């Protein structure tokens, strides 16, 4: 399915990274809304921050919205701004 939006954030992979495509070019993996904002800045939107990403109609979120950063359906969605937690055994 083609998107009419110039930015597509794909579903998370096994590590929680989401591919970011801008105007047909994959820019890399984002692990948070902050990363998406950085990609938007690289694409020429220098003043963009996390709130611009949250509010933007330019972005199509596939496989979940901006609050989904894990691919495991059995776990609760990780918030984009939450720090990663390490498990110590």
N, C-alpha and C. Protein backbone atom coordinates (compact mmCIF):
# COMPACT_ATOMS: atom_id res chain seq x y z
N UNK A 1 0.85 -1.17 0.00
CA UNK A 1 0.00 0.00 0.00
C UNK A 1 0.90 1.24 0.00
N UNK A 2 0.68 2.11 -0.94
CA UNK A 2 1.44 3.35 -1.02
C UNK A 2 0.86 4.36 -0.03
N UNK A 3 1.76 5.16 0.51
CA UNK A 3 1.34 6.16 1.48
C UNK A 3 1.35 7.54 0.84
N UNK A 4 0.37 8.37 1.20
CA UNK A 4 0.37 9.74 0.71
C UNK A 4 1.13 10.66 1.67
N UNK A 5 1.68 10.09 2.73
CA UNK A 5 2.47 10.86 3.69
C UNK A 5 3.95 10.64 3.37
N UNK A 6 4.76 11.70 3.43
CA UNK A 6 6.17 11.56 3.05
C UNK A 6 7.03 10.81 4.06
N UNK A 7 6.53 10.59 5.29
CA UNK A 7 7.32 9.91 6.32
C UNK A 7 6.54 8.68 6.79
N UNK A 8 7.22 7.53 6.80
CA UNK A 8 6.61 6.29 7.29
C UNK A 8 7.51 5.71 8.37
N UNK A 9 6.91 5.40 9.52
CA UNK A 9 7.61 4.71 10.60
C UNK A 9 7.01 3.31 10.64
N UNK A 10 7.87 2.32 10.37
CA UNK A 10 7.42 0.93 10.24
C UNK A 10 7.30 0.25 11.61
N UNK A 11 6.65 -0.93 11.64
CA UNK A 11 6.50 -1.65 12.91
C UNK A 11 7.85 -1.97 13.53
N UNK A 12 7.88 -2.12 14.85
CA UNK A 12 9.14 -2.42 15.52
C UNK A 12 9.68 -3.80 15.17
N UNK A 13 11.01 -3.90 15.12
CA UNK A 13 11.64 -5.20 14.92
C UNK A 13 11.82 -5.89 16.27
N UNK A 14 12.56 -6.98 16.29
CA UNK A 14 12.72 -7.76 17.52
C UNK A 14 13.41 -6.98 18.65
N UNK A 15 14.23 -6.01 18.28
CA UNK A 15 14.94 -5.21 19.29
C UNK A 15 14.21 -3.91 19.61
N UNK A 16 13.05 -3.67 18.98
CA UNK A 16 12.29 -2.47 19.26
C UNK A 16 12.58 -1.31 18.33
N UNK A 17 13.50 -1.51 17.38
CA UNK A 17 13.80 -0.45 16.42
C UNK A 17 12.75 -0.39 15.32
N UNK A 18 12.44 0.82 14.89
CA UNK A 18 11.45 1.03 13.83
C UNK A 18 12.13 1.75 12.68
N UNK A 19 12.06 1.15 11.47
CA UNK A 19 12.63 1.80 10.29
C UNK A 19 11.88 3.09 10.02
N UNK A 20 12.63 4.11 9.60
CA UNK A 20 12.04 5.40 9.27
C UNK A 20 12.36 5.69 7.81
N UNK A 21 11.31 5.91 7.02
CA UNK A 21 11.46 6.23 5.61
C UNK A 21 10.96 7.65 5.37
N UNK A 22 11.77 8.45 4.69
CA UNK A 22 11.39 9.81 4.34
C UNK A 22 11.52 9.95 2.83
N UNK A 23 10.44 10.31 2.17
CA UNK A 23 10.42 10.47 0.71
C UNK A 23 11.02 9.27 -0.01
N UNK A 24 10.68 8.07 0.46
CA UNK A 24 11.09 6.85 -0.22
C UNK A 24 12.46 6.33 0.17
N UNK A 25 13.20 7.02 1.02
CA UNK A 25 14.53 6.62 1.44
C UNK A 25 14.52 6.21 2.90
N UNK A 26 15.02 5.00 3.19
CA UNK A 26 15.14 4.57 4.57
C UNK A 26 16.32 5.31 5.20
N UNK A 27 16.06 6.05 6.28
CA UNK A 27 17.11 6.81 6.95
C UNK A 27 17.77 6.04 8.07
N UNK A 28 17.09 5.04 8.62
CA UNK A 28 17.69 4.26 9.70
C UNK A 28 16.64 3.73 10.65
N UNK A 29 17.10 3.24 11.80
CA UNK A 29 16.23 2.69 12.83
C UNK A 29 16.06 3.70 13.96
N UNK A 30 14.81 3.89 14.34
CA UNK A 30 14.50 4.76 15.48
C UNK A 30 14.09 3.87 16.65
N UNK A 31 14.52 4.27 17.84
CA UNK A 31 14.16 3.54 19.06
C UNK A 31 13.31 4.40 19.99
N UNK A 32 12.99 5.62 19.53
CA UNK A 32 12.18 6.53 20.33
C UNK A 32 11.69 7.66 19.44
N UNK A 33 10.76 8.43 19.95
CA UNK A 33 10.27 9.61 19.23
C UNK A 33 11.42 10.59 19.02
N UNK A 34 12.33 10.66 19.98
CA UNK A 34 13.50 11.54 19.84
C UNK A 34 14.31 11.17 18.60
N UNK A 35 14.47 9.85 18.35
CA UNK A 35 15.20 9.40 17.16
C UNK A 35 14.47 9.82 15.88
N UNK A 36 13.15 9.69 15.88
CA UNK A 36 12.37 10.11 14.71
C UNK A 36 12.58 11.61 14.47
N UNK A 37 12.58 12.40 15.52
CA UNK A 37 12.82 13.85 15.39
C UNK A 37 14.20 14.10 14.78
N UNK A 38 15.21 13.33 15.20
CA UNK A 38 16.55 13.50 14.65
C UNK A 38 16.57 13.18 13.15
N UNK A 39 15.84 12.13 12.73
CA UNK A 39 15.76 11.82 11.31
C UNK A 39 15.06 12.94 10.54
N UNK A 40 14.04 13.52 11.13
CA UNK A 40 13.34 14.63 10.49
C UNK A 40 14.29 15.82 10.32
N UNK A 41 15.13 16.05 11.31
CA UNK A 41 16.12 17.12 11.20
C UNK A 41 17.11 16.83 10.08
N UNK A 42 17.56 15.57 9.99
CA UNK A 42 18.47 15.18 8.90
C UNK A 42 17.82 15.39 7.54
N UNK A 43 16.50 15.23 7.48
CA UNK A 43 15.77 15.39 6.23
C UNK A 43 15.51 16.85 5.88
N UNK A 44 15.97 17.76 6.75
CA UNK A 44 15.85 19.18 6.43
C UNK A 44 14.93 19.99 7.32
N UNK A 45 14.25 19.35 8.24
CA UNK A 45 13.36 20.08 9.15
C UNK A 45 14.12 20.37 10.44
N UNK A 46 15.05 21.30 10.36
CA UNK A 46 16.02 21.56 11.42
C UNK A 46 15.41 21.89 12.78
N UNK A 47 14.29 22.56 12.82
CA UNK A 47 13.71 22.97 14.10
C UNK A 47 12.83 21.93 14.76
N UNK A 48 12.72 20.75 14.17
CA UNK A 48 11.80 19.74 14.71
C UNK A 48 12.30 19.13 16.00
N UNK A 49 11.34 18.89 16.92
CA UNK A 49 11.63 18.18 18.16
C UNK A 49 10.57 17.10 18.35
N UNK A 50 10.57 16.47 19.53
CA UNK A 50 9.64 15.38 19.79
C UNK A 50 8.18 15.80 19.67
N UNK A 51 7.85 17.00 20.11
CA UNK A 51 6.46 17.45 20.05
C UNK A 51 6.00 17.65 18.60
N UNK A 52 6.91 18.06 17.72
CA UNK A 52 6.56 18.17 16.31
C UNK A 52 6.24 16.80 15.72
N UNK A 53 7.01 15.79 16.13
CA UNK A 53 6.75 14.42 15.67
C UNK A 53 5.39 13.95 16.17
N UNK A 54 5.09 14.20 17.43
CA UNK A 54 3.83 13.77 18.03
C UNK A 54 2.64 14.40 17.31
N UNK A 55 2.76 15.65 16.93
CA UNK A 55 1.64 16.40 16.34
C UNK A 55 1.54 16.28 14.82
N UNK A 56 2.56 15.76 14.16
CA UNK A 56 2.64 15.83 12.71
C UNK A 56 1.66 14.93 11.97
N UNK A 57 1.04 15.50 10.95
CA UNK A 57 0.20 14.72 10.04
C UNK A 57 1.02 14.19 8.87
N UNK A 58 2.31 14.52 8.82
CA UNK A 58 3.20 14.06 7.75
C UNK A 58 3.65 12.62 7.96
N UNK A 59 3.47 12.10 9.19
CA UNK A 59 4.03 10.80 9.55
C UNK A 59 2.93 9.74 9.59
N UNK A 60 3.20 8.64 8.89
CA UNK A 60 2.32 7.47 8.96
C UNK A 60 2.98 6.44 9.89
N UNK A 61 2.29 6.08 10.95
CA UNK A 61 2.80 5.11 11.92
C UNK A 61 2.21 3.75 11.58
N UNK A 62 3.04 2.81 11.18
CA UNK A 62 2.58 1.46 10.86
C UNK A 62 2.93 0.52 12.00
N UNK A 63 2.03 -0.41 12.29
CA UNK A 63 2.30 -1.38 13.34
C UNK A 63 2.19 -0.81 14.74
N UNK A 64 1.44 0.25 14.89
CA UNK A 64 1.27 0.88 16.19
C UNK A 64 1.67 2.33 16.14
N UNK A 65 1.16 3.09 17.05
CA UNK A 65 1.42 4.52 17.10
C UNK A 65 2.76 4.85 17.70
N UNK A 66 2.92 6.09 18.04
CA UNK A 66 4.20 6.58 18.54
C UNK A 66 4.55 6.07 19.93
N UNK A 67 3.63 5.37 20.57
CA UNK A 67 3.92 4.82 21.90
C UNK A 67 4.32 3.34 21.85
N UNK A 68 4.46 2.76 20.66
CA UNK A 68 4.81 1.35 20.52
C UNK A 68 6.26 1.23 20.07
N UNK A 69 7.09 0.69 20.94
CA UNK A 69 8.52 0.52 20.63
C UNK A 69 8.99 -0.88 20.99
N UNK A 70 8.11 -1.85 20.92
CA UNK A 70 8.47 -3.24 21.15
C UNK A 70 7.66 -4.10 20.20
N UNK A 71 8.25 -5.22 19.76
CA UNK A 71 7.53 -6.09 18.83
C UNK A 71 6.84 -7.24 19.53
N UNK A 72 7.04 -7.39 20.82
CA UNK A 72 6.47 -8.50 21.57
C UNK A 72 5.04 -8.16 21.99
N UNK A 73 4.03 -8.84 21.41
CA UNK A 73 2.65 -8.50 21.73
C UNK A 73 2.24 -8.84 23.15
N UNK A 74 2.98 -9.72 23.82
CA UNK A 74 2.58 -10.10 25.17
C UNK A 74 3.06 -9.11 26.23
N UNK A 75 3.95 -8.22 25.87
CA UNK A 75 4.42 -7.25 26.86
C UNK A 75 3.69 -5.93 26.68
N UNK A 76 3.66 -5.15 27.72
CA UNK A 76 3.01 -3.84 27.66
C UNK A 76 3.85 -2.94 26.76
N UNK A 77 3.21 -2.05 25.98
CA UNK A 77 3.97 -1.16 25.12
C UNK A 77 4.89 -0.26 25.94
N UNK A 78 6.08 -0.07 25.41
CA UNK A 78 7.03 0.83 26.06
C UNK A 78 6.75 2.24 25.61
N UNK A 79 6.80 3.17 26.53
CA UNK A 79 6.61 4.56 26.17
C UNK A 79 7.85 5.05 25.45
N UNK A 80 7.65 5.89 24.47
CA UNK A 80 8.75 6.38 23.66
C UNK A 80 9.79 7.12 24.48
N UNK A 81 9.38 7.74 25.56
CA UNK A 81 10.30 8.53 26.35
C UNK A 81 10.88 7.76 27.53
N UNK A 82 10.44 6.52 27.73
CA UNK A 82 10.92 5.74 28.87
C UNK A 82 12.32 5.22 28.57
N UNK A 83 13.23 5.27 29.54
CA UNK A 83 14.57 4.73 29.34
C UNK A 83 14.52 3.21 29.28
N UNK A 84 15.48 2.62 28.57
CA UNK A 84 15.54 1.16 28.49
C UNK A 84 15.91 0.60 29.86
N UNK A 85 15.31 -0.51 30.22
CA UNK A 85 15.59 -1.15 31.50
C UNK A 85 16.42 -2.40 31.29
N UNK A 86 17.44 -2.60 32.06
CA UNK A 86 18.27 -3.79 31.98
C UNK A 86 17.83 -4.79 33.04
N UNK A 87 17.87 -6.05 32.71
CA UNK A 87 17.53 -7.10 33.66
C UNK A 87 18.81 -7.68 34.22
N UNK A 88 18.93 -7.71 35.52
CA UNK A 88 20.11 -8.29 36.17
C UNK A 88 19.69 -9.58 36.84
N UNK A 89 20.42 -10.64 36.53
CA UNK A 89 20.09 -11.96 37.11
C UNK A 89 21.18 -12.36 38.06
